[in-house]
Structure formats: C-alpha cells, structure tokens
C-alpha atoms as a PDB file:
ATOM      1  CA  MET A   1     124.195 250.125 273.128  1.00  0.00           C
ATOM      2  CA  SER A   2     127.484 248.622 271.884  1.00  0.00           C
ATOM      3  CA  LYS A   3     128.804 247.165 268.793  1.00  0.00           C
ATOM      4  CA  GLU A   4     128.616 243.672 270.475  1.00  0.00           C
ATOM      5  CA  GLU A   5     124.774 244.162 270.929  1.00  0.00           C
ATOM      6  CA  ILE A   6     123.899 245.521 267.651  1.00  0.00           C
ATOM      7  CA  ILE A   7     126.057 242.569 266.037  1.00  0.00           C
ATOM      8  CA  ASN A   8     124.370 240.160 268.486  1.00  0.00           C
ATOM      9  CA  ASP A   9     120.880 241.517 267.535  1.00  0.00           C
ATOM     10  CA  VAL A  10     121.120 241.526 263.840  1.00  0.00           C
ATOM     11  CA  ALA A  11     122.756 237.809 263.987  1.00  0.00           C
ATOM     12  CA  ASN A  12     119.648 236.901 266.503  1.00  0.00           C
ATOM     13  CA  ALA A  13     117.243 238.180 263.840  1.00  0.00           C
ATOM     14  CA  TYR A  14     118.560 236.266 261.337  1.00  0.00           C
ATOM     15  CA  GLY A  15     119.104 233.009 263.076  1.00  0.00           C
ATOM     16  CA  ILE A  16     122.797 232.991 263.025  1.00  0.00           C
ATOM     17  CA  SER A  17     125.773 233.889 265.593  1.00  0.00           C
ATOM     18  CA  ALA A  18     127.589 236.850 265.614  1.00  0.00           C
ATOM     19  CA  ASP A  19     130.701 234.804 264.692  1.00  0.00           C
ATOM     20  CA  VAL A  20     129.006 233.826 261.618  1.00  0.00           C
ATOM     21  CA  ILE A  21     128.696 237.718 260.622  1.00  0.00           C
ATOM     22  CA  ARG A  22     132.227 237.914 261.210  1.00  0.00           C
ATOM     23  CA  SER A  23     133.214 234.983 259.117  1.00  0.00           C
ATOM     24  CA  LYS A  24     134.344 234.633 255.317  1.00  0.00           C
ATOM     25  CA  ILE A  25     130.754 233.036 254.392  1.00  0.00           C
ATOM     26  CA  ARG A  26     129.317 234.556 251.603  1.00  0.00           C
ATOM     27  CA  LYS A  27     125.897 233.152 251.426  1.00  0.00           C
ATOM     28  CA  ARG A  28     122.998 235.508 250.900  1.00  0.00           C
ATOM     29  CA  PRO A  29     121.303 235.328 254.365  1.00  0.00           C
ATOM     30  CA  VAL A  30     124.967 235.870 255.867  1.00  0.00           C
ATOM     31  CA  SER A  31     125.966 238.513 253.491  1.00  0.00           C
ATOM     32  CA  ASP A  32     122.463 240.568 254.230  1.00  0.00           C
ATOM     33  CA  ALA A  33     122.924 240.305 257.748  1.00  0.00           C
ATOM     34  CA  ARG A  34     126.606 241.434 257.509  1.00  0.00           C
ATOM     35  CA  ALA A  35     125.501 244.169 255.425  1.00  0.00           C
ATOM     36  CA  VAL A  36     122.620 245.188 258.084  1.00  0.00           C
ATOM     37  CA  ALA A  37     125.126 245.303 260.914  1.00  0.00           C
ATOM     38  CA  CYS A  38     127.417 247.549 258.921  1.00  0.00           C
ATOM     39  CA  TYR A  39     124.655 249.860 258.292  1.00  0.00           C
ATOM     40  CA  LEU A  40     123.671 250.119 261.795  1.00  0.00           C
ATOM     41  CA  LEU A  41     127.118 250.321 263.355  1.00  0.00           C
ATOM     42  CA  SER A  42     127.607 253.236 261.192  1.00  0.00           C
ATOM     43  CA  PHE A  43     124.304 254.986 261.702  1.00  0.00           C
ATOM     44  CA  LEU A  44     123.876 254.340 265.447  1.00  0.00           C
ATOM     45  CA  LEU A  45     127.322 254.298 266.586  1.00  0.00           C
ATOM     46  CA  LYS A  46     128.707 256.529 264.040  1.00  0.00           C
ATOM     47  CA  MET A  47     131.612 254.024 263.449  1.00  0.00           C
ATOM     48  CA  SER A  48     133.754 254.753 260.299  1.00  0.00           C
ATOM     49  CA  SER A  49     133.930 252.017 257.539  1.00  0.00           C
ATOM     50  CA  THR A  50     137.424 251.266 258.809  1.00  0.00           C
ATOM     51  CA  GLU A  51     136.358 250.569 262.264  1.00  0.00           C
ATOM     52  CA  ILE A  52     133.388 248.353 261.026  1.00  0.00           C
ATOM     53  CA  GLY A  53     135.691 246.640 258.719  1.00  0.00           C
ATOM     54  CA  LYS A  54     138.327 245.713 261.563  1.00  0.00           C
ATOM     55  CA  GLU A  55     135.182 244.459 263.662  1.00  0.00           C
ATOM     56  CA  LEU A  56     133.636 242.268 260.851  1.00  0.00           C
ATOM     57  CA  ASN A  57     136.888 241.200 259.064  1.00  0.00           C
ATOM     58  CA  ARG A  58     136.245 243.261 255.819  1.00  0.00           C
ATOM     59  CA  ASP A  59     137.909 245.678 253.847  1.00  0.00           C
ATOM     60  CA  HIS A  60     136.623 249.489 254.528  1.00  0.00           C
ATOM     61  CA  SER A  61     135.337 249.498 250.696  1.00  0.00           C
ATOM     62  CA  THR A  62     133.417 246.441 251.229  1.00  0.00           C
ATOM     63  CA  VAL A  63     131.553 247.991 254.179  1.00  0.00           C
ATOM     64  CA  VAL A  64     130.845 251.092 252.119  1.00  0.00           C
ATOM     65  CA  VAL A  65     129.076 249.129 249.498  1.00  0.00           C
ATOM     66  CA  ALA A  66     127.106 247.165 252.356  1.00  0.00           C
ATOM     67  CA  ILE A  67     125.867 250.340 253.857  1.00  0.00           C
ATOM     68  CA  GLU A  68     124.805 251.662 250.274  1.00  0.00           C
ATOM     69  CA  LYS A  69     123.312 248.459 249.659  1.00  0.00           C
ATOM     70  CA  VAL A  70     121.088 248.771 252.996  1.00  0.00           C
ATOM     71  CA  ASP A  71     120.167 252.404 252.138  1.00  0.00           C
ATOM     72  CA  MET A  72     118.839 251.275 248.713  1.00  0.00           C
ATOM     73  CA  TRP A  73     116.651 248.437 250.476  1.00  0.00           C
ATOM     74  CA  LEU A  74     115.327 250.970 253.013  1.00  0.00           C
ATOM     75  CA  SER A  75     114.280 253.223 249.941  1.00  0.00           C
ATOM     76  CA  THR A  76     112.900 250.031 248.194  1.00  0.00           C
ATOM     77  CA  PRO A  77     111.745 247.616 250.751  1.00  0.00           C
ATOM     78  CA  LYS A  78     110.149 245.392 248.310  1.00  0.00           C
ATOM     79  CA  ILE A  79     113.849 244.423 247.049  1.00  0.00           C
ATOM     80  CA  ASN A  80     114.881 242.910 250.627  1.00  0.00           C
ATOM     81  CA  PRO A  81     112.106 242.988 253.148  1.00  0.00           C
ATOM     82  CA  THR A  82     113.654 240.913 255.690  1.00  0.00           C
ATOM     83  CA  ALA A  83     116.566 243.231 255.750  1.00  0.00           C
ATOM     84  CA  VAL A  84     114.361 246.344 256.058  1.00  0.00           C
ATOM     85  CA  ASP A  85     112.382 244.527 258.951  1.00  0.00           C
ATOM     86  CA  VAL A  86     115.767 243.846 260.766  1.00  0.00           C
ATOM     87  CA  THR A  87     117.081 247.345 260.292  1.00  0.00           C
ATOM     88  CA  VAL A  88     114.147 248.883 261.525  1.00  0.00           C
ATOM     89  CA  LYS A  89     113.803 246.396 264.385  1.00  0.00           C
ATOM     90  CA  VAL A  90     117.268 246.754 265.871  1.00  0.00           C
ATOM     91  CA  TYR A  91     116.639 250.468 265.407  1.00  0.00           C
ATOM     92  CA  ASN A  92     113.665 250.758 267.304  1.00  0.00           C
ATOM     93  CA  LYS A  93     115.436 248.913 270.023  1.00  0.00           C
ATOM     94  CA  TYR A  94     117.837 251.666 270.543  1.00  0.00           C
ATOM     95  CA  LYS A  95     115.654 254.631 269.659  1.00  0.00           C
ATOM     96  CA  ASP A  96     114.966 255.856 273.080  1.00  0.00           C
ATOM     97  CA  GLU A  97     118.501 255.757 274.205  1.00  0.00           C
ATOM     98  CA  LEU A  98     119.519 257.784 271.002  1.00  0.00           C
ATOM     99  CA  LYS A  99     117.197 260.282 272.251  1.00  0.00           C
ATOM    100  CA  ARG A 100     118.329 260.342 275.686  1.00  0.00           C
ATOM    101  CA  LEU A 101     121.633 260.890 274.115  1.00  0.00           C
ATOM    102  CA  GLY A 102     120.489 263.773 272.375  1.00  0.00           C
ATOM    103  CA  TYR A 103     120.498 262.484 268.760  1.00  0.00           C
ATOM    104  CA  GLY A 104     117.562 264.084 266.828  1.00  0.00           C
ATOM    105  CA  PHE A 105     116.402 260.598 265.156  1.00  0.00           C
ATOM    106  CA  GLN A 106     112.578 260.049 264.861  1.00  0.00           C
END
C-alpha cells in the first residue's frame, strides 16, 4: 500500500487520472476525488497534511479542510454518496494489509 496506489485507486474510481487529482482543476468531481485521496492518505498512511499537500500540489490548510469534508460525508452519506462509496471501496481494498501491519481498524 503506497501513496501512489491510493491516489490511483481513487482516480480510477472517479474515472480520471492521478495527474488530474494533482492538477489545479477545481470542478466538483475532481475536487471530490482529491478530497477522498487526502482523507485516505491521512487515514491509511498517517501522512501529515503538509506531506499530503506536497503530494497533491495543495496547501496544508486545504488538505485539512478536505479531510474534514470527507469526515462529514462519511457521517452523513446522503450528502455525497459517491465519495462515501469510493472511500469505503478503497479502504476495504487495504483492510487486510492494515490488519497484518497491526492496525486495529474494523
């Protein structure tokens, strides 16, 4: 499980490329994919907002807001069901690896 794999998985789920996630494009599907990538990089790899920002060409404060947004979507799935589905799908792909590494995720 690497940052590249996670970014590519999110990009593929949204039907875009990893380069588009890293781009300056601000259209809704791209910004949603970018937010999901931020959340998963933080949650799965424990990357800091500064590290994620450098990876995705964003300021660390933008990353913090994106992570908070995905947290909200996860707690209220009706707001953005696509983002919730992608987040869960990518998380589930790596769940067994996380358990092997000793993380206590469910």
